[in-house]
Amino acid sequence: MPSLSAEQITLIGGRSTLLSARCVIRIDGTVSNCAMVCSNSSLDRAILDNLALRRYTPVIFQGRPVDVPYTFMFRIVGPEDMWVPGASRTEADGNGKKEH
C-alpha cells in the first residue's frame, strides 16, 4: 500500500490530522466513487490511491453481496505526535533525557 512521503508529512506540519473519504464498497470488494469529505490537499491523492489498492469483504444482504456507501476515517500521525508504547513521553520526544 502507498505510504505518506516525508514531504507530505512535512506539509501537514509534522502533526496529527484527521481525514475522511466517502466511497462505495462494491460487491467485488473494491472501492469506487471516492471523495474526500474532510481533507488536506497535500494528502488527498495518497489517501485515494491507498483506498484504490485495498480489498474488502463485501456486505451481504439477504444472502447476496450488495454495494454500500462507507466513510473511511484516517488519523495521520506526524513524527511530533508519535509515542512508543513502554517509553516515557521524554524518551519518545527524543530529547536525550530519560525519565526514571
N, C-alpha and C. Protein backbone atom coordinates (compact mmCIF):
# COMPACT_ATOMS: atom_id res chain seq x y z
N MET A 1 0.83 -1.18 0.00
CA MET A 1 0.00 0.00 0.00
C MET A 1 0.88 1.24 0.00
N PRO A 2 0.41 2.28 -0.65
CA PRO A 2 1.20 3.52 -0.63
C PRO A 2 1.31 4.08 0.77
N SER A 3 2.42 4.67 1.06
CA SER A 3 2.57 5.33 2.35
C SER A 3 2.83 6.81 2.10
N LEU A 4 2.72 7.58 3.16
CA LEU A 4 2.94 9.01 3.02
C LEU A 4 4.43 9.30 2.92
N SER A 5 4.77 10.22 2.06
CA SER A 5 6.16 10.62 1.90
C SER A 5 6.54 11.61 2.99
N ALA A 6 7.83 11.80 3.18
CA ALA A 6 8.31 12.78 4.14
C ALA A 6 7.81 14.18 3.78
N GLU A 7 7.71 14.46 2.47
CA GLU A 7 7.23 15.77 2.03
C GLU A 7 5.77 15.97 2.43
N GLN A 8 4.94 14.93 2.31
CA GLN A 8 3.53 15.05 2.67
C GLN A 8 3.37 15.26 4.17
N ILE A 9 4.16 14.55 4.96
CA ILE A 9 4.10 14.73 6.41
C ILE A 9 4.56 16.13 6.78
N THR A 10 5.59 16.63 6.08
CA THR A 10 6.06 17.99 6.33
C THR A 10 4.96 19.00 6.01
N LEU A 11 4.18 18.76 4.96
CA LEU A 11 3.13 19.69 4.57
C LEU A 11 2.02 19.80 5.60
N ILE A 12 1.84 18.77 6.43
CA ILE A 12 0.84 18.89 7.49
C ILE A 12 1.49 19.39 8.78
N GLY A 13 2.73 19.83 8.66
CA GLY A 13 3.42 20.42 9.80
C GLY A 13 3.94 19.39 10.78
N GLY A 14 4.02 18.12 10.36
CA GLY A 14 4.52 17.08 11.24
C GLY A 14 3.57 16.73 12.37
N ARG A 15 2.35 17.22 12.33
CA ARG A 15 1.38 16.99 13.40
C ARG A 15 0.29 16.02 12.93
N SER A 16 -0.49 15.53 13.88
CA SER A 16 -1.59 14.63 13.55
C SER A 16 -2.73 15.39 12.89
N THR A 17 -3.45 14.68 12.05
CA THR A 17 -4.63 15.25 11.41
C THR A 17 -5.64 14.14 11.16
N LEU A 18 -6.91 14.50 11.12
CA LEU A 18 -7.98 13.55 10.82
C LEU A 18 -8.52 13.83 9.43
N LEU A 19 -8.69 12.77 8.64
CA LEU A 19 -9.21 12.89 7.29
C LEU A 19 -10.29 11.85 7.10
N SER A 20 -11.20 12.07 6.16
CA SER A 20 -12.21 11.07 5.85
C SER A 20 -12.52 11.08 4.37
N ALA A 21 -12.89 9.91 3.87
CA ALA A 21 -13.25 9.76 2.46
C ALA A 21 -14.52 8.92 2.39
N ARG A 22 -15.46 9.37 1.59
CA ARG A 22 -16.71 8.63 1.38
C ARG A 22 -16.59 7.87 0.07
N CYS A 23 -16.83 6.55 0.14
CA CYS A 23 -16.69 5.68 -1.02
C CYS A 23 -17.86 4.71 -1.08
N VAL A 24 -17.86 3.89 -2.11
CA VAL A 24 -18.79 2.77 -2.22
C VAL A 24 -17.96 1.50 -2.20
N ILE A 25 -18.28 0.59 -1.27
CA ILE A 25 -17.65 -0.74 -1.28
C ILE A 25 -18.49 -1.60 -2.22
N ARG A 26 -17.87 -2.07 -3.28
CA ARG A 26 -18.56 -2.82 -4.34
C ARG A 26 -18.69 -4.29 -3.98
N ILE A 27 -19.51 -5.00 -4.73
CA ILE A 27 -19.75 -6.42 -4.46
C ILE A 27 -18.50 -7.26 -4.68
N ASP A 28 -17.52 -6.75 -5.43
CA ASP A 28 -16.27 -7.49 -5.64
C ASP A 28 -15.20 -7.12 -4.62
N GLY A 29 -15.55 -6.26 -3.64
CA GLY A 29 -14.61 -5.89 -2.58
C GLY A 29 -13.76 -4.67 -2.88
N THR A 30 -13.88 -4.11 -4.08
CA THR A 30 -13.14 -2.90 -4.42
C THR A 30 -13.92 -1.68 -3.93
N VAL A 31 -13.25 -0.54 -3.92
CA VAL A 31 -13.94 0.71 -3.58
C VAL A 31 -14.00 1.58 -4.82
N SER A 32 -15.08 2.36 -4.93
CA SER A 32 -15.24 3.25 -6.07
C SER A 32 -15.92 4.53 -5.62
N ASN A 33 -15.98 5.50 -6.53
CA ASN A 33 -16.67 6.77 -6.28
C ASN A 33 -16.19 7.44 -4.99
N CYS A 34 -14.90 7.41 -4.73
CA CYS A 34 -14.36 8.01 -3.51
C CYS A 34 -14.25 9.51 -3.64
N ALA A 35 -14.60 10.19 -2.57
CA ALA A 35 -14.45 11.64 -2.50
C ALA A 35 -14.03 11.99 -1.08
N MET A 36 -13.10 12.90 -0.97
CA MET A 36 -12.66 13.33 0.34
C MET A 36 -13.76 14.18 0.98
N VAL A 37 -14.07 13.87 2.25
CA VAL A 37 -15.07 14.63 3.00
C VAL A 37 -14.36 15.64 3.87
N CYS A 38 -13.43 15.18 4.66
CA CYS A 38 -12.59 16.03 5.49
C CYS A 38 -11.19 15.84 4.92
N SER A 39 -10.64 16.86 4.29
CA SER A 39 -9.43 16.64 3.51
C SER A 39 -8.30 17.59 3.86
N ASN A 40 -7.16 17.24 3.33
CA ASN A 40 -5.95 18.05 3.39
C ASN A 40 -5.35 17.93 2.00
N SER A 41 -5.34 18.98 1.24
CA SER A 41 -4.98 18.90 -0.18
C SER A 41 -3.65 18.20 -0.42
N SER A 42 -2.73 18.29 0.52
CA SER A 42 -1.42 17.65 0.32
C SER A 42 -1.48 16.14 0.52
N LEU A 43 -2.54 15.63 1.14
CA LEU A 43 -2.63 14.20 1.43
C LEU A 43 -3.73 13.49 0.66
N ASP A 44 -4.65 14.22 0.03
CA ASP A 44 -5.81 13.61 -0.62
C ASP A 44 -5.42 12.52 -1.62
N ARG A 45 -4.46 12.80 -2.49
CA ARG A 45 -4.08 11.84 -3.52
C ARG A 45 -3.54 10.55 -2.89
N ALA A 46 -2.71 10.66 -1.86
CA ALA A 46 -2.16 9.46 -1.20
C ALA A 46 -3.28 8.63 -0.57
N ILE A 47 -4.25 9.29 0.05
CA ILE A 47 -5.38 8.58 0.67
C ILE A 47 -6.20 7.87 -0.40
N LEU A 48 -6.55 8.57 -1.47
CA LEU A 48 -7.37 7.97 -2.53
C LEU A 48 -6.63 6.84 -3.24
N ASP A 49 -5.33 7.00 -3.47
CA ASP A 49 -4.54 5.91 -4.08
C ASP A 49 -4.51 4.70 -3.17
N ASN A 50 -4.38 4.92 -1.87
CA ASN A 50 -4.36 3.84 -0.90
C ASN A 50 -5.69 3.08 -0.93
N LEU A 51 -6.79 3.79 -0.94
CA LEU A 51 -8.11 3.15 -0.97
C LEU A 51 -8.31 2.33 -2.24
N ALA A 52 -7.79 2.82 -3.36
CA ALA A 52 -7.96 2.11 -4.64
C ALA A 52 -7.26 0.76 -4.64
N LEU A 53 -6.24 0.58 -3.82
CA LEU A 53 -5.50 -0.68 -3.77
C LEU A 53 -6.07 -1.69 -2.78
N ARG A 54 -6.91 -1.26 -1.88
CA ARG A 54 -7.44 -2.15 -0.84
C ARG A 54 -8.60 -2.98 -1.35
N ARG A 55 -8.80 -4.13 -0.69
CA ARG A 55 -9.94 -5.01 -0.98
C ARG A 55 -10.65 -5.31 0.33
N TYR A 56 -11.96 -5.31 0.28
CA TYR A 56 -12.78 -5.53 1.47
C TYR A 56 -13.74 -6.67 1.24
N THR A 57 -14.21 -7.27 2.32
CA THR A 57 -15.25 -8.29 2.23
C THR A 57 -16.56 -7.56 1.95
N PRO A 58 -17.25 -7.93 0.87
CA PRO A 58 -18.49 -7.21 0.56
C PRO A 58 -19.56 -7.45 1.62
N VAL A 59 -20.47 -6.50 1.72
CA VAL A 59 -21.60 -6.63 2.63
C VAL A 59 -22.60 -7.61 2.02
N ILE A 60 -23.11 -8.50 2.85
CA ILE A 60 -24.10 -9.48 2.40
C ILE A 60 -25.46 -9.07 2.95
N PHE A 61 -26.44 -8.91 2.08
CA PHE A 61 -27.80 -8.58 2.48
C PHE A 61 -28.74 -9.58 1.84
N GLN A 62 -29.52 -10.26 2.66
CA GLN A 62 -30.45 -11.30 2.21
C GLN A 62 -29.74 -12.33 1.33
N GLY A 63 -28.54 -12.71 1.78
CA GLY A 63 -27.77 -13.76 1.12
C GLY A 63 -27.02 -13.34 -0.13
N ARG A 64 -27.06 -12.07 -0.49
CA ARG A 64 -26.38 -11.62 -1.70
C ARG A 64 -25.47 -10.43 -1.39
N PRO A 65 -24.32 -10.35 -2.06
CA PRO A 65 -23.46 -9.18 -1.85
C PRO A 65 -24.12 -7.94 -2.46
N VAL A 66 -23.94 -6.80 -1.78
CA VAL A 66 -24.51 -5.54 -2.25
C VAL A 66 -23.46 -4.43 -2.16
N ASP A 67 -23.60 -3.44 -3.03
CA ASP A 67 -22.77 -2.24 -2.95
C ASP A 67 -23.28 -1.40 -1.78
N VAL A 68 -22.37 -0.85 -0.98
CA VAL A 68 -22.78 0.00 0.15
C VAL A 68 -21.88 1.22 0.24
N PRO A 69 -22.47 2.37 0.59
CA PRO A 69 -21.63 3.54 0.85
C PRO A 69 -20.93 3.37 2.19
N TYR A 70 -19.71 3.89 2.29
CA TYR A 70 -18.95 3.76 3.53
C TYR A 70 -18.02 4.97 3.66
N THR A 71 -17.92 5.49 4.86
CA THR A 71 -16.99 6.59 5.12
C THR A 71 -15.77 6.04 5.86
N PHE A 72 -14.61 6.18 5.24
CA PHE A 72 -13.35 5.75 5.83
C PHE A 72 -12.75 6.91 6.60
N MET A 73 -12.31 6.64 7.82
CA MET A 73 -11.68 7.67 8.65
C MET A 73 -10.19 7.35 8.76
N PHE A 74 -9.36 8.36 8.67
CA PHE A 74 -7.91 8.20 8.77
C PHE A 74 -7.37 9.17 9.80
N ARG A 75 -6.54 8.67 10.68
CA ARG A 75 -5.81 9.53 11.60
C ARG A 75 -4.35 9.45 11.20
N ILE A 76 -3.84 10.52 10.66
CA ILE A 76 -2.45 10.59 10.23
C ILE A 76 -1.65 11.15 11.39
N VAL A 77 -0.66 10.38 11.83
CA VAL A 77 0.15 10.78 12.98
C VAL A 77 1.50 11.24 12.48
N GLY A 78 1.80 12.51 12.73
CA GLY A 78 3.09 13.07 12.35
C GLY A 78 4.16 12.69 13.36
N PRO A 79 5.43 12.83 13.02
CA PRO A 79 6.53 12.43 13.89
C PRO A 79 6.49 13.10 15.27
N GLU A 80 5.99 14.34 15.34
CA GLU A 80 5.96 15.03 16.62
C GLU A 80 4.95 14.42 17.58
N ASP A 81 3.97 13.67 17.05
CA ASP A 81 2.93 13.10 17.89
C ASP A 81 3.11 11.61 18.15
N MET A 82 4.17 11.02 17.61
CA MET A 82 4.38 9.59 17.80
C MET A 82 4.83 9.29 19.22
N TRP A 83 4.38 8.16 19.71
CA TRP A 83 4.74 7.71 21.04
C TRP A 83 4.95 6.20 20.97
N VAL A 84 6.02 5.71 21.53
CA VAL A 84 6.34 4.29 21.52
C VAL A 84 5.83 3.69 22.81
N PRO A 85 4.94 2.67 22.73
CA PRO A 85 4.45 2.04 23.96
C PRO A 85 5.61 1.54 24.81
N GLY A 86 5.55 1.78 26.10
CA GLY A 86 6.60 1.36 27.01
C GLY A 86 7.66 2.43 27.24
N ALA A 87 7.68 3.45 26.39
CA ALA A 87 8.65 4.53 26.55
C ALA A 87 7.96 5.69 27.25
N SER A 88 8.72 6.41 28.04
CA SER A 88 8.15 7.60 28.66
C SER A 88 7.99 8.66 27.58
N ARG A 89 7.21 9.67 27.84
CA ARG A 89 7.00 10.73 26.87
C ARG A 89 8.31 11.44 26.55
N THR A 90 9.21 11.57 27.54
CA THR A 90 10.50 12.22 27.32
C THR A 90 11.35 11.41 26.35
N GLU A 91 11.37 10.07 26.52
CA GLU A 91 12.14 9.23 25.60
C GLU A 91 11.56 9.31 24.20
N ALA A 92 10.24 9.32 24.08
CA ALA A 92 9.61 9.39 22.77
C ALA A 92 9.88 10.72 22.08
N ASP A 93 10.07 11.78 22.88
CA ASP A 93 10.36 13.09 22.31
C ASP A 93 11.76 13.14 21.70
N GLY A 94 12.62 12.20 22.10
CA GLY A 94 13.95 12.12 21.52
C GLY A 94 14.87 13.24 21.96
N ASN A 95 14.62 13.82 23.13
CA ASN A 95 15.48 14.92 23.53
C ASN A 95 16.71 14.46 24.31
N GLY A 96 16.89 13.14 24.40
CA GLY A 96 18.08 12.62 25.03
C GLY A 96 17.99 12.44 26.53
N LYS A 97 16.99 12.97 27.15
CA LYS A 97 16.82 12.83 28.60
C LYS A 97 15.88 11.66 28.88
N LYS A 98 16.25 10.88 29.86
CA LYS A 98 15.41 9.76 30.23
C LYS A 98 14.77 10.00 31.58
N GLU A 99 13.47 9.69 31.62
CA GLU A 99 12.78 9.78 32.90
C GLU A 99 12.94 8.47 33.63
N HIS A 100 12.99 8.52 34.94
CA HIS A 100 13.13 7.30 35.74
C HIS A 100 11.94 7.11 36.60
